[in-house]
Protein backbone atom coordinates (compact mmCIF):
# COMPACT_ATOMS: atom_id res chain seq x y z
CA MET A 1 122.95 110.36 102.14
CA ASN A 2 124.56 109.73 105.21
CA ASP A 3 123.96 112.93 107.14
CA ARG A 4 120.62 113.68 109.50
CA VAL A 5 118.55 115.61 106.39
CA GLY A 6 119.51 112.62 104.43
CA ARG A 7 118.44 109.93 106.61
CA TYR A 8 115.55 111.63 107.48
CA LEU A 9 114.68 112.29 103.33
CA ALA A 10 115.38 108.45 102.38
CA GLU A 11 113.28 107.19 105.28
CA TRP A 12 110.43 109.59 103.87
CA ARG A 13 111.21 108.33 100.72
CA ILE A 14 110.94 104.55 101.88
CA ALA A 15 107.98 105.35 103.44
CA THR A 16 106.12 106.25 100.80
CA VAL A 17 107.32 103.75 98.71
CA ILE A 18 107.02 100.44 100.82
CA PRO A 19 103.46 100.31 100.47
CA HIS A 20 103.22 99.71 96.86
CA LEU A 21 106.00 97.10 96.84
CA ARG A 22 104.57 93.51 96.27
CA GLY A 23 106.03 90.14 96.35
CA LYS A 24 109.37 89.46 94.81
CA THR A 25 111.01 92.67 94.51
CA LEU A 26 113.86 94.81 92.08
CA ASP A 27 115.07 98.54 93.08
CA VAL A 28 117.27 98.66 89.68
CA GLY A 29 119.60 102.07 91.20
CA CYS A 30 119.32 100.91 94.92
CA GLY A 31 122.21 102.90 96.11
CA ASN A 32 122.84 101.42 99.22
CA ASN A 33 119.93 99.38 99.07
CA GLN A 34 118.24 100.28 101.93
CA LEU A 35 114.60 100.35 100.17
CA ILE A 36 114.88 96.09 100.10
CA LEU A 37 116.53 95.95 103.52
CA SER A 38 113.47 97.71 104.82
CA TYR A 39 110.86 95.39 103.06
CA LYS A 40 112.18 92.64 103.47
CA ASN A 41 112.45 93.36 107.20
CA ARG A 42 108.38 94.52 107.28
CA GLY A 43 107.85 91.10 105.63
CA GLY A 44 108.19 91.53 101.82
CA SER A 45 109.56 88.92 99.91
CA LYS A 46 113.68 87.68 100.76
CA GLU A 47 114.22 87.12 97.50
CA SER A 48 113.91 90.88 96.82
CA LEU A 49 116.94 92.24 95.11
CA GLY A 50 118.82 95.55 95.11
CA ILE A 51 120.71 96.09 91.80
CA ASP A 52 123.20 99.06 90.84
CA VAL A 53 125.68 100.10 88.32
CA TYR A 54 127.58 101.27 91.22
CA PRO A 55 129.19 99.21 94.11
CA TRP A 56 127.51 100.34 96.99
CA ASP A 57 127.64 99.39 99.96
CA GLY A 58 124.96 97.05 100.49
CA VAL A 59 124.19 96.36 96.75
CA ASP A 60 123.12 92.82 95.90
CA LEU A 61 124.44 92.64 92.41
CA VAL A 62 126.43 95.44 90.46
CA ILE A 63 125.29 95.05 86.56
CA GLU A 64 127.08 97.28 83.97
CA ASN A 65 123.80 98.21 81.94
CA ALA A 66 119.98 98.63 83.61
CA GLY A 67 118.91 98.67 79.87
CA ASN A 68 119.85 94.31 79.86
CA LEU A 69 118.68 93.11 83.24
CA PRO A 70 120.55 89.49 83.87
CA PHE A 71 116.79 88.22 85.10
CA ALA A 72 114.09 85.68 83.43
CA ASP A 73 111.62 87.03 81.85
CA GLY A 74 108.69 87.38 84.25
CA SER A 75 110.49 87.05 87.57
CA PHE A 76 109.63 89.84 89.66
CA ASP A 77 106.08 90.89 91.14
CA THR A 78 107.24 94.40 91.22
CA VAL A 79 110.58 96.39 89.95
CA CYS A 80 111.35 99.90 91.53
CA CYS A 81 113.22 102.60 90.47
CA ILE A 82 113.21 105.24 92.98
CA ALA A 83 114.88 108.89 92.63
CA ALA A 84 116.99 107.26 90.19
CA LEU A 85 115.68 107.05 86.51
CA ASN A 86 117.28 109.75 84.89
CA HIS A 87 120.34 108.79 86.37
CA ILE A 88 119.60 105.92 83.57
CA PRO A 89 120.94 107.05 79.99
CA GLU A 90 118.37 104.63 78.11
CA ARG A 91 115.50 105.00 80.26
CA ALA A 92 112.88 103.60 77.37
CA VAL A 93 115.71 100.84 77.22
CA PHE A 94 115.63 100.00 80.40
CA LEU A 95 111.84 100.63 80.69
CA ARG A 96 111.45 97.97 78.30
CA GLU A 97 113.43 95.34 80.29
CA ALA A 98 111.52 96.33 83.47
CA LYS A 99 108.41 95.20 81.69
CA ARG A 100 110.32 92.35 80.52
CA VAL A 101 111.57 90.95 83.81
CA LEU A 102 108.04 91.45 85.25
CA CYS A 103 105.10 89.09 86.10
CA PRO A 104 102.05 89.42 83.48
CA CYS A 105 100.54 91.82 85.37
CA GLY A 106 103.20 92.87 87.57
CA ARG A 107 104.00 96.65 89.13
CA LEU A 108 106.33 99.50 88.19
CA VAL A 109 107.21 102.09 90.97
CA LEU A 110 109.28 105.26 90.56
CA THR A 111 110.20 108.09 92.31
CA MET A 112 110.75 111.87 90.37
CA LEU A 113 111.67 115.00 90.97
CA PRO A 114 111.32 117.73 88.51
CA PRO A 115 114.20 118.81 86.88
CA GLU A 116 113.96 122.61 88.30
CA ILE A 117 114.11 121.23 91.61
CA SER A 118 116.59 118.28 90.86
CA ARG A 119 118.96 120.43 89.84
CA ILE A 120 118.60 123.46 92.90
CA TRP A 121 118.54 119.52 94.97
CA HIS A 122 121.72 118.79 94.00
CA VAL A 123 123.65 121.98 94.31
CA LEU A 124 122.27 122.40 97.99
CA ARG A 125 123.04 118.48 98.17
CA ALA A 126 126.43 118.24 96.97
CA PRO A 127 128.45 118.70 100.47
CA TRP A 128 126.86 115.80 101.98
CA ASP A 129 125.46 113.82 98.90
CA ALA A 130 128.33 110.30 98.10
CA ASP A 131 126.56 109.69 94.94
CA GLN A 132 127.84 113.61 94.16
CA HIS A 133 131.35 112.51 95.41
CA GLU A 134 131.98 108.89 94.61
CA ARG A 135 129.90 108.81 91.14
CA GLY A 136 128.96 112.11 89.99
CA MET A 137 126.68 112.86 86.64
CA LYS A 138 127.44 110.61 83.59
CA LYS A 139 127.30 111.25 80.21
CA GLY A 140 122.86 110.80 79.24
CA GLU A 141 122.34 111.25 82.82
CA VAL A 142 119.58 114.60 83.34
CA TYR A 143 118.53 116.62 86.56
CA GLY A 144 114.68 114.91 87.28
CA LEU A 145 112.39 114.38 84.73
CA SER A 146 109.13 116.01 84.44
CA SER A 147 105.25 114.36 84.89
CA TYR A 148 104.87 115.01 80.98
CA ALA A 149 108.33 113.24 80.41
CA MET A 150 107.61 110.19 82.68
CA LYS A 151 104.23 109.75 81.48
CA THR A 152 105.26 109.24 77.97
CA LEU A 153 108.21 106.92 78.82
CA LEU A 154 105.73 104.95 80.88
CA GLU A 155 102.90 104.62 78.46
CA THR A 156 105.47 104.23 75.33
CA ALA A 157 107.11 101.01 77.60
CA GLY A 158 103.75 99.37 77.65
CA PHE A 159 102.62 100.67 81.41
CA SER A 160 99.25 101.95 82.32
CA ILE A 161 99.79 104.64 85.37
CA THR A 162 97.28 103.55 87.86
CA ARG A 163 98.86 106.82 90.34
CA VAL A 164 100.72 109.60 90.78
CA SER A 165 100.84 111.63 93.96
CA ASN A 166 103.22 114.29 95.69
CA PHE A 167 105.03 113.60 98.74
CA MET A 168 108.32 115.56 100.37
CA LEU A 169 105.65 118.70 100.82
CA GLY A 170 104.87 117.88 97.07
CA ILE A 171 108.04 118.62 95.69
CA ASN A 172 108.52 114.36 95.02
CA LYS A 173 106.13 112.51 92.56
CA LEU A 174 105.29 109.21 93.23
CA TYR A 175 104.68 106.99 90.04
CA VAL A 176 103.31 103.70 90.03
CA ALA A 177 102.12 101.56 86.89
CA GLU A 178 101.25 98.35 85.84
CA ASN A 179 102.27 96.19 83.69
CA ILE A 180 99.35 96.29 80.80
CA CYS A 181 99.20 92.64 79.85
CA VAL A 182 96.87 90.58 77.50
CA LYS A 183 95.15 87.74 79.42
CA PRO A 184 94.97 84.41 77.35
CA ILE A 185 91.12 84.12 75.88
CA CYS A 186 90.11 80.90 77.01
CA PRO A 187 88.44 78.61 74.53
CA PRO A 188 84.79 77.66 74.79
CA LEU A 189 83.04 75.52 76.64
CA VAL A 190 81.41 72.92 74.81
């Protein structure tokens, strides 16, 4: 999204998401990694990373599969997937991996367009969107996800949704979810 409209919309998305990031953050499907770069420039954890399956300029680490993240359990305070969950064929597997790499009570931040708008968006933006030219849609990818699909995926993976809000004139949705954690039961004091 290197044209003026694309940059404006990317900046809008980043401004919407950054207030919900905390601590060491992993951005999955980071594209050119603008979210993590902006987060670091605004005082976010310098250990934060942007990963993708495609070798975009600026990506910190290219991975083979978002369903097999190369990080230890509990490595991140926040995992985000901004406008990219629909591009991960095994979405449920990825969300279980996100839960695994999150610290107890960590946070998941996602944005998503509904399918109808996403399909129109991809057609309208195709001449200016490098993602359409360089990578394209792969098997298992879909045009957006409905609110119901998002809720079902998140709850099935063990997340508790704490916020859903519209942005970009109500077209886009922000989802913030917490890793449901079980606090250890302390032994009684004697």
